Protein backbone atom coordinates (compact mmCIF):
# COMPACT_ATOMS: atom_id res chain seq x y z
CA UNK A 1 0.00 0.00 0.00
CA UNK A 2 2.79 2.41 0.93
CA UNK A 3 4.55 1.95 -2.42
CA UNK A 4 1.33 2.00 -4.45
CA UNK A 5 1.46 -1.65 -5.54
CA UNK A 6 -2.19 -2.07 -4.58
CA UNK A 7 -3.45 1.28 -5.92
CA UNK A 8 -5.29 -0.22 -8.89
CA UNK A 9 -6.87 -3.00 -6.83
CA UNK A 10 -8.05 -0.51 -4.20
CA UNK A 11 -9.33 1.84 -6.88
CA UNK A 12 -11.36 -0.96 -8.50
CA UNK A 13 -12.90 -1.88 -5.16
CA UNK A 14 -13.90 1.77 -4.75
CA UNK A 15 -15.44 1.85 -8.21
CA UNK A 16 -12.86 4.19 -9.83
CA UNK A 17 -10.71 3.55 -12.89
CA UNK A 18 -7.40 3.21 -11.01
CA UNK A 19 -4.14 5.03 -11.52
CA UNK A 20 -2.74 6.01 -14.88
CA UNK A 21 0.89 5.73 -13.80
CA UNK A 22 1.48 9.46 -14.11
CA UNK A 23 0.18 10.63 -10.73
CA UNK A 24 1.45 9.92 -7.24
CA UNK A 25 1.23 6.30 -6.17
CA UNK A 26 0.97 4.81 -2.71
CA UNK A 27 1.24 7.09 0.31
CA UNK A 28 3.54 10.07 -0.41
CA UNK A 29 5.97 11.04 2.39
CA UNK A 30 4.88 8.00 4.44
CA UNK A 31 8.22 7.46 6.18
CA UNK A 32 8.93 11.17 6.61
CA UNK A 33 5.67 11.56 8.51
CA UNK A 34 6.26 8.41 10.57
CA UNK A 35 9.78 9.49 11.57
CA UNK A 36 8.53 12.97 12.43
CA UNK A 37 6.11 11.51 15.00
CA UNK A 38 8.88 9.80 16.98
CA UNK A 39 10.73 12.36 19.18
CA UNK A 40 14.09 10.57 18.98
CA UNK A 41 14.17 10.61 15.17
CA UNK A 42 12.24 13.83 14.63
CA UNK A 43 15.00 15.94 16.18
CA UNK A 44 17.48 14.59 13.61
CA UNK A 45 15.47 15.61 10.54
CA UNK A 46 16.09 19.03 9.01
CA UNK A 47 14.06 20.88 6.42
CA UNK A 48 16.71 20.01 3.83
CA UNK A 49 16.31 16.28 4.60
CA UNK A 50 12.57 16.11 3.98
CA UNK A 51 12.62 15.97 0.18
CA UNK A 52 15.34 13.33 0.14
CA UNK A 53 13.54 11.20 2.74
CA UNK A 54 10.50 11.36 0.49
CA UNK A 55 12.29 8.74 -1.65
CA UNK A 56 12.52 6.33 1.29
CA UNK A 57 10.46 3.24 0.38
CA UNK A 58 11.03 0.89 3.29
CA UNK A 59 12.97 0.34 6.51
CA UNK A 60 13.78 -3.20 7.63
CA UNK A 61 15.53 -4.63 10.66
CA UNK A 62 17.16 -8.05 10.83
CA UNK A 63 18.45 -9.54 14.08
CA UNK A 64 21.63 -11.59 13.79
CA UNK A 65 21.15 -15.36 13.91
CA UNK A 66 23.68 -15.62 16.74
CA UNK A 67 21.63 -13.16 18.80
CA UNK A 68 24.49 -10.67 19.08
CA UNK A 69 23.19 -7.65 17.22
CA UNK A 70 21.03 -6.40 14.38
CA UNK A 71 21.14 -4.61 11.02
CA UNK A 72 18.95 -1.76 9.79
CA UNK A 73 18.35 -1.26 6.07
CA UNK A 74 16.85 1.87 4.50
CA UNK A 75 15.60 1.24 0.96
CA UNK A 76 15.42 4.25 -1.35
CA UNK A 77 13.92 4.78 -4.78
CA UNK A 78 16.11 6.30 -7.48
CA UNK A 79 16.61 9.93 -6.51
CA UNK A 80 18.52 13.14 -7.24
CA UNK A 81 20.63 12.99 -4.06
CA UNK A 82 22.72 9.80 -3.99
CA UNK A 83 23.49 6.66 -5.95
CA UNK A 84 22.84 4.11 -3.18
CA UNK A 85 19.62 2.13 -3.31
CA UNK A 86 20.10 0.88 0.27
CA UNK A 87 21.72 2.60 3.26
CA UNK A 88 22.71 0.33 6.15
CA UNK A 89 23.64 0.51 9.83
CA UNK A 90 24.80 -2.52 11.83
CA UNK A 91 25.25 -3.02 15.56
CA UNK A 92 27.35 -5.78 17.17
CA UNK A 93 26.07 -6.25 20.73
CA UNK A 94 27.41 -9.43 22.45
CA UNK A 95 24.85 -9.19 25.28
CA UNK A 96 22.00 -8.17 22.97
CA UNK A 97 19.54 -10.78 24.28
CA UNK A 98 20.28 -10.04 27.93
CA UNK A 99 18.53 -7.46 30.08
CA UNK A 100 21.82 -5.82 30.98
CA UNK A 101 23.04 -2.48 29.68
CA UNK A 102 24.01 -3.10 26.02
CA UNK A 103 27.72 -3.49 25.35
CA UNK A 104 28.53 -2.21 21.88
CA UNK A 105 31.38 -4.15 20.31
CA UNK A 106 31.14 -2.42 16.95
CA UNK A 107 28.88 -0.06 15.00
CA UNK A 108 29.16 0.07 11.24
CA UNK A 109 27.47 2.53 8.91
CA UNK A 110 27.88 2.99 5.18
CA UNK A 111 29.30 5.50 2.74
CA UNK A 112 26.66 7.60 1.02
CA UNK A 113 27.57 8.18 -2.63
CA UNK A 114 26.31 11.74 -2.97
CA UNK A 115 25.66 13.13 -6.42
CA UNK A 116 27.53 16.34 -7.35
CA UNK A 117 26.21 19.32 -5.39
CA UNK A 118 23.62 17.24 -3.51
CA UNK A 119 25.42 16.36 -0.27
CA UNK A 120 23.22 17.08 2.77
CA UNK A 121 25.80 16.42 5.49
CA UNK A 122 28.53 18.86 4.43
CA UNK A 123 28.59 22.05 2.41
CA UNK A 124 31.55 23.55 0.56
CA UNK A 125 32.37 27.07 1.69
CA UNK A 126 34.76 29.38 -0.15
CA UNK A 127 36.87 31.71 1.98
CA UNK A 128 39.61 34.28 1.47
CA UNK A 129 42.77 33.52 3.43
CA UNK A 130 45.51 36.09 4.02
CA UNK A 131 49.10 34.98 3.71
CA UNK A 132 51.59 35.07 6.58
CA UNK A 133 55.33 35.56 6.77
CA UNK A 134 56.85 35.80 3.29
CA UNK A 135 53.34 35.77 1.79
CA UNK A 136 52.06 38.60 3.98
CA UNK A 137 49.75 40.93 2.11
CA UNK A 138 48.71 38.25 -0.35
CA UNK A 139 45.38 36.48 -0.32
CA UNK A 140 44.27 33.17 -1.69
CA UNK A 141 40.91 31.49 -2.12
CA UNK A 142 40.39 28.21 -0.30
CA UNK A 143 37.44 25.82 -0.25
CA UNK A 144 36.55 24.07 2.99
CA UNK A 145 33.90 21.53 3.93
CA UNK A 146 31.66 22.52 6.81
CA UNK A 147 29.37 20.11 8.63
CA UNK A 148 25.64 20.75 8.37
CA UNK A 149 22.93 19.24 10.53
CA UNK A 150 21.26 16.30 8.79
CA UNK A 151 19.51 13.01 9.51
CA UNK A 152 21.99 11.32 7.19
CA UNK A 153 24.83 11.69 9.71
CA UNK A 154 23.16 8.66 11.32
CA UNK A 155 24.94 6.49 8.75
CA UNK A 156 28.34 7.72 9.93
CA UNK A 157 28.55 6.41 13.51
CA UNK A 158 31.00 7.64 16.15
CA UNK A 159 34.41 6.03 15.79
CA UNK A 160 35.69 3.57 18.36
CA UNK A 161 38.86 5.26 19.69
CA UNK A 162 41.92 3.76 21.31
CA UNK A 163 41.35 3.65 25.07
CA UNK A 164 45.01 4.45 25.66
CA UNK A 165 44.84 7.80 23.86
CA UNK A 166 41.52 8.95 25.33
CA UNK A 167 41.12 11.22 28.34
CA UNK A 168 38.15 11.26 30.72
CA UNK A 169 36.41 14.19 29.01
CA UNK A 170 36.68 12.55 25.59
CA UNK A 171 35.42 9.26 27.03
CA UNK A 172 32.35 10.97 28.48
CA UNK A 173 31.61 12.72 25.19
CA UNK A 174 31.92 9.51 23.19
CA UNK A 175 29.76 7.57 25.64
CA UNK A 176 26.99 10.16 25.23
CA UNK A 177 27.34 10.01 21.43
CA UNK A 178 27.12 6.21 21.35
CA UNK A 179 24.17 6.23 23.76
CA UNK A 180 22.26 8.67 21.55
CA UNK A 181 23.11 6.72 18.42
CA UNK A 182 21.94 3.44 19.98
CA UNK A 183 18.72 5.08 21.21
CA UNK A 184 17.94 6.08 17.62
CA UNK A 185 18.70 2.57 16.38
CA UNK A 186 16.44 1.02 19.02
CA UNK A 187 13.70 3.50 18.12
CA UNK A 188 13.79 2.10 14.60
CA UNK A 189 14.10 -1.54 15.64
CA UNK A 190 11.55 -1.68 18.48
CA UNK A 191 9.06 1.03 17.58
CA UNK A 192 9.07 2.49 14.06
CA UNK A 193 9.70 -0.64 11.97
CA UNK A 194 7.11 -2.92 13.64
CA UNK A 195 4.51 -0.13 14.07
CA UNK A 196 5.16 2.13 11.07
CA UNK A 197 1.48 2.61 10.20
CA UNK A 198 0.63 3.65 13.75
CA UNK A 199 3.48 6.17 13.81
CA UNK A 200 2.33 7.54 10.45
CA UNK A 201 -1.22 7.90 11.74
CA UNK A 202 -0.04 9.54 14.96
CA UNK A 203 -1.54 6.85 17.21
CA UNK A 204 1.64 5.09 18.31
CA UNK A 205 2.72 7.47 21.06
CA UNK A 206 -0.71 7.37 22.72
CA UNK A 207 -0.85 3.56 22.48
CA UNK A 208 2.61 3.18 23.99
CA UNK A 209 1.71 5.53 26.82
CA UNK A 210 -1.41 3.49 27.52
CA UNK A 211 0.62 0.27 27.55
CA UNK A 212 3.13 1.84 29.94
CA UNK A 213 0.32 3.00 32.23
CA UNK A 214 -1.19 -0.49 32.29
CA UNK A 215 2.16 -1.96 33.28
CA UNK A 216 2.76 0.48 36.13
CA UNK A 217 2.60 -0.57 39.75
CA UNK A 218 0.31 1.88 41.53
CA UNK A 219 0.65 2.70 45.26
CA UNK A 220 -1.82 1.00 47.63
CA UNK A 221 -5.20 2.73 47.51
CA UNK A 222 -4.50 4.41 44.16
CA UNK A 223 -6.44 3.14 41.16
CA UNK A 224 -5.06 3.52 37.66
CA UNK A 225 -7.16 5.82 35.45
CA UNK A 226 -9.28 4.01 32.84
CA UNK A 227 -7.62 3.56 29.45
CA UNK A 228 -8.03 6.63 27.27
CA UNK A 229 -8.71 8.94 30.25
CA UNK A 230 -6.32 11.48 31.65
CA UNK A 231 -4.61 10.97 34.99
CA UNK A 232 -6.64 13.09 37.48
CA UNK A 233 -3.43 14.61 38.81
CA UNK A 234 -2.66 15.97 35.33
CA UNK A 235 -6.01 17.68 34.80
CA UNK A 236 -6.05 21.46 34.68
CA UNK A 237 -8.48 23.20 37.05
């Protein structure tokens, strides 16, 4: 349905003539809308990413057979931004099936083959640089790459550094970066991929909150509010 493979069948059931092949098929911007409903992924998407993500056709997640990690695959239609048809992100987690804090052994992304002038993660900036020493008074034009905010940085994970060359401040920064990256990956694996339609429709967050409320242990004498009703303590007077 998302890709439009059932458009003609649905149209016939509704008594219309079906699609001609020239108009939009399926559900346009399906994944963009779904990702925008999930707070963890929404904050990664910029205005410049939206058009490119419109070519996203499917997201799949495959757990490793040995139970020590998983792989995310993002399938794209042919587009004006990059050559890849699939972007991947893999996580090696030896204790993946245990309830303990995940131990990341390795995280592997992929290289995005950007088309000329279409890169969303870096922009080329031209600057004038004044010479020094013997070249004082002279200027030259240099071109530098500057990082821009983009969802597509997700496919370039933080690098595993050498523990010997890392100080405490750097270790703390990297730990936070890996934690955030893994949170995004788990958002895809556990929430968005299995419940994509609900996230697109905007129902998923409410359903997950209801499930969390049902699983809560309430203090003696306190009754959980009925499903679908607001907690009395949260009501505005």
